[in-house]
Amino acid sequence: MKIMHQVRDFLDFCKQTIHKNSNEAFQKTKRALFKEKSQKIREQAVKIVEKRLIKENMQLSDFNEEELRIMFEAEEKRLLEQIHAKELKEKQEKTTKHFKEVWEKGDNEQEK
């Protein structure tokens, strides 16, 4: 009986360790993906600002570091807002679709 409890305790400990390690791995992966996504957005913002300046017959060298930082941050913020709006719209569409399916399923069950 004592051995059963020891085995059960050991298995519980293993289960907790696996759960903890998988959570840590998930968090590390999530942080890495966030950093990668942030870097891509920054690069995209720089390209957009550069294209805009070319259209206006200007160059990056026409601005000081602070002015460039402000332009890049503003463009990055605009891109993030676009991404957020798109994600929100997709989430709303998914929720609406799910609600509609549940509603229709309820109607079909009432007809039976």
C-alpha atoms as a PDB file:
ATOM      1  CA  MET A   1       0.000   0.000   0.000  1.00  0.00           C
ATOM      2  CA  LYS A   2       2.822   2.360   0.888  1.00  0.00           C
ATOM      3  CA  ILE A   3       4.511   1.633  -2.434  1.00  0.00           C
ATOM      4  CA  MET A   4       1.272   2.484  -4.285  1.00  0.00           C
ATOM      5  CA  HIS A   5       1.207   5.898  -2.618  1.00  0.00           C
ATOM      6  CA  GLN A   6       4.865   6.484  -3.450  1.00  0.00           C
ATOM      7  CA  VAL A   7       4.277   5.537  -7.082  1.00  0.00           C
ATOM      8  CA  ARG A   8       1.197   7.767  -7.246  1.00  0.00           C
ATOM      9  CA  ASP A   9       3.129  10.674  -5.694  1.00  0.00           C
ATOM     10  CA  PHE A  10       5.976  10.137  -8.138  1.00  0.00           C
ATOM     11  CA  LEU A  11       3.581  10.104 -11.106  1.00  0.00           C
ATOM     12  CA  ASP A  12       1.889  13.284  -9.852  1.00  0.00           C
ATOM     13  CA  PHE A  13       5.297  14.935  -9.533  1.00  0.00           C
ATOM     14  CA  CYS A  14       6.197  13.858 -13.096  1.00  0.00           C
ATOM     15  CA  LYS A  15       2.884  15.173 -14.382  1.00  0.00           C
ATOM     16  CA  GLN A  16       3.438  18.550 -12.676  1.00  0.00           C
ATOM     17  CA  THR A  17       6.991  18.783 -14.040  1.00  0.00           C
ATOM     18  CA  ILE A  18       5.847  18.003 -17.582  1.00  0.00           C
ATOM     19  CA  HIS A  19       3.063  20.578 -17.306  1.00  0.00           C
ATOM     20  CA  LYS A  20       5.461  23.224 -15.959  1.00  0.00           C
ATOM     21  CA  ASN A  21       8.061  22.527 -18.665  1.00  0.00           C
ATOM     22  CA  SER A  22       5.488  22.597 -21.455  1.00  0.00           C
ATOM     23  CA  ASN A  23       4.132  25.932 -20.165  1.00  0.00           C
ATOM     24  CA  GLU A  24       7.648  27.386 -20.088  1.00  0.00           C
ATOM     25  CA  ALA A  25       8.351  26.140 -23.618  1.00  0.00           C
ATOM     26  CA  PHE A  26       5.055  27.593 -24.819  1.00  0.00           C
ATOM     27  CA  GLN A  27       5.845  30.988 -23.252  1.00  0.00           C
ATOM     28  CA  LYS A  28       9.336  31.040 -24.805  1.00  0.00           C
ATOM     29  CA  THR A  29       7.910  30.176 -28.221  1.00  0.00           C
ATOM     30  CA  LYS A  30       5.232  32.830 -27.847  1.00  0.00           C
ATOM     31  CA  ARG A  31       7.834  35.482 -26.927  1.00  0.00           C
ATOM     32  CA  ALA A  32      10.046  34.486 -29.872  1.00  0.00           C
ATOM     33  CA  LEU A  33       7.123  34.707 -32.300  1.00  0.00           C
ATOM     34  CA  PHE A  34       6.116  38.088 -30.869  1.00  0.00           C
ATOM     35  CA  LYS A  35       9.666  39.413 -31.300  1.00  0.00           C
ATOM     36  CA  GLU A  36       9.771  38.102 -34.871  1.00  0.00           C
ATOM     37  CA  LYS A  37       6.391  39.664 -35.680  1.00  0.00           C
ATOM     38  CA  SER A  38       7.453  42.984 -34.115  1.00  0.00           C
ATOM     39  CA  GLN A  39      10.658  42.984 -36.141  1.00  0.00           C
ATOM     40  CA  LYS A  40       8.744  42.360 -39.377  1.00  0.00           C
ATOM     41  CA  ILE A  41       6.356  45.217 -38.591  1.00  0.00           C
ATOM     42  CA  ARG A  42       9.296  47.567 -37.904  1.00  0.00           C
ATOM     43  CA  GLU A  43      10.956  46.581 -41.179  1.00  0.00           C
ATOM     44  CA  GLN A  44       7.697  47.117 -43.045  1.00  0.00           C
ATOM     45  CA  ALA A  45       7.275  50.559 -41.426  1.00  0.00           C
ATOM     46  CA  VAL A  46      10.786  51.561 -42.513  1.00  0.00           C
ATOM     47  CA  LYS A  47      10.084  50.483 -46.102  1.00  0.00           C
ATOM     48  CA  ILE A  48       6.817  52.436 -46.190  1.00  0.00           C
ATOM     49  CA  VAL A  49       8.460  55.597 -44.830  1.00  0.00           C
ATOM     50  CA  GLU A  50      11.317  55.250 -47.330  1.00  0.00           C
ATOM     51  CA  LYS A  51       8.838  54.891 -50.229  1.00  0.00           C
ATOM     52  CA  ARG A  52       6.896  57.930 -49.037  1.00  0.00           C
ATOM     53  CA  LEU A  53      10.057  60.009 -48.856  1.00  0.00           C
ATOM     54  CA  ILE A  54      11.078  58.928 -52.368  1.00  0.00           C
ATOM     55  CA  LYS A  55       7.646  60.038 -53.655  1.00  0.00           C
ATOM     56  CA  GLU A  56       8.248  63.441 -52.063  1.00  0.00           C
ATOM     57  CA  ASN A  57      11.775  63.613 -53.548  1.00  0.00           C
ATOM     58  CA  MET A  58      13.320  63.441 -50.084  1.00  0.00           C
ATOM     59  CA  GLN A  59      15.915  61.208 -48.466  1.00  0.00           C
ATOM     60  CA  LEU A  60      16.431  59.804 -44.999  1.00  0.00           C
ATOM     61  CA  SER A  61      19.490  62.027 -44.678  1.00  0.00           C
ATOM     62  CA  ASP A  62      17.214  65.103 -44.880  1.00  0.00           C
ATOM     63  CA  PHE A  63      15.992  64.343 -41.340  1.00  0.00           C
ATOM     64  CA  ASN A  64      17.683  64.054 -37.974  1.00  0.00           C
ATOM     65  CA  GLU A  65      17.524  60.896 -35.857  1.00  0.00           C
ATOM     66  CA  GLU A  66      14.623  62.110 -33.700  1.00  0.00           C
ATOM     67  CA  GLU A  67      12.473  63.027 -36.716  1.00  0.00           C
ATOM     68  CA  LEU A  68      13.131  59.642 -38.318  1.00  0.00           C
ATOM     69  CA  ARG A  69      12.312  57.833 -35.079  1.00  0.00           C
ATOM     70  CA  ILE A  70       8.996  59.701 -34.853  1.00  0.00           C
ATOM     71  CA  MET A  71       8.111  58.879 -38.480  1.00  0.00           C
ATOM     72  CA  PHE A  72       8.998  55.193 -38.071  1.00  0.00           C
ATOM     73  CA  GLU A  73       7.104  54.878 -34.782  1.00  0.00           C
ATOM     74  CA  ALA A  74       4.028  56.574 -36.247  1.00  0.00           C
ATOM     75  CA  GLU A  75       4.053  54.219 -39.227  1.00  0.00           C
ATOM     76  CA  GLU A  76       4.610  51.216 -36.964  1.00  0.00           C
ATOM     77  CA  LYS A  77       1.659  52.313 -34.809  1.00  0.00           C
ATOM     78  CA  ARG A  78      -0.521  52.701 -37.915  1.00  0.00           C
ATOM     79  CA  LEU A  79       0.427  49.195 -39.082  1.00  0.00           C
ATOM     80  CA  LEU A  80      -0.299  47.723 -35.643  1.00  0.00           C
ATOM     81  CA  GLU A  81      -3.701  49.433 -35.605  1.00  0.00           C
ATOM     82  CA  GLN A  82      -4.458  47.977 -39.053  1.00  0.00           C
ATOM     83  CA  ILE A  83      -3.450  44.500 -37.893  1.00  0.00           C
ATOM     84  CA  HIS A  84      -5.497  44.836 -34.713  1.00  0.00           C
ATOM     85  CA  ALA A  85      -8.552  46.048 -36.657  1.00  0.00           C
ATOM     86  CA  LYS A  86      -8.223  43.125 -39.084  1.00  0.00           C
ATOM     87  CA  GLU A  87      -7.885  40.598 -36.230  1.00  0.00           C
ATOM     88  CA  LEU A  88     -10.871  42.139 -34.437  1.00  0.00           C
ATOM     89  CA  LYS A  89     -12.979  41.975 -37.607  1.00  0.00           C
ATOM     90  CA  GLU A  90     -12.018  38.314 -38.155  1.00  0.00           C
ATOM     91  CA  LYS A  91     -12.866  37.498 -34.537  1.00  0.00           C
ATOM     92  CA  GLN A  92     -16.250  39.232 -34.843  1.00  0.00           C
ATOM     93  CA  GLU A  93     -17.006  37.383 -38.087  1.00  0.00           C
ATOM     94  CA  LYS A  94     -16.073  34.079 -36.454  1.00  0.00           C
ATOM     95  CA  THR A  95     -18.252  34.848 -33.424  1.00  0.00           C
ATOM     96  CA  THR A  96     -21.154  35.905 -35.645  1.00  0.00           C
ATOM     97  CA  LYS A  97     -20.816  32.743 -37.733  1.00  0.00           C
ATOM     98  CA  HIS A  98     -20.706  30.580 -34.601  1.00  0.00           C
ATOM     99  CA  PHE A  99     -23.740  32.359 -33.121  1.00  0.00           C
ATOM    100  CA  LYS A 100     -25.649  31.930 -36.387  1.00  0.00           C
ATOM    101  CA  GLU A 101     -24.812  28.199 -36.479  1.00  0.00           C
ATOM    102  CA  VAL A 102     -25.941  27.738 -32.872  1.00  0.00           C
ATOM    103  CA  TRP A 103     -29.099  29.740 -33.564  1.00  0.00           C
ATOM    104  CA  GLU A 104     -29.945  27.680 -36.674  1.00  0.00           C
ATOM    105  CA  LYS A 105     -29.195  24.456 -34.818  1.00  0.00           C
ATOM    106  CA  GLY A 106     -31.636  25.547 -32.100  1.00  0.00           C
ATOM    107  CA  ASP A 107     -34.288  26.369 -34.710  1.00  0.00           C
ATOM    108  CA  ASN A 108     -33.805  22.976 -36.380  1.00  0.00           C
ATOM    109  CA  GLU A 109     -34.137  21.153 -33.057  1.00  0.00           C
ATOM    110  CA  GLN A 110     -37.337  23.051 -32.220  1.00  0.00           C
ATOM    111  CA  GLU A 111     -38.867  22.085 -35.577  1.00  0.00           C
ATOM    112  CA  LYS A 112     -38.366  18.388 -34.757  1.00  0.00           C
END
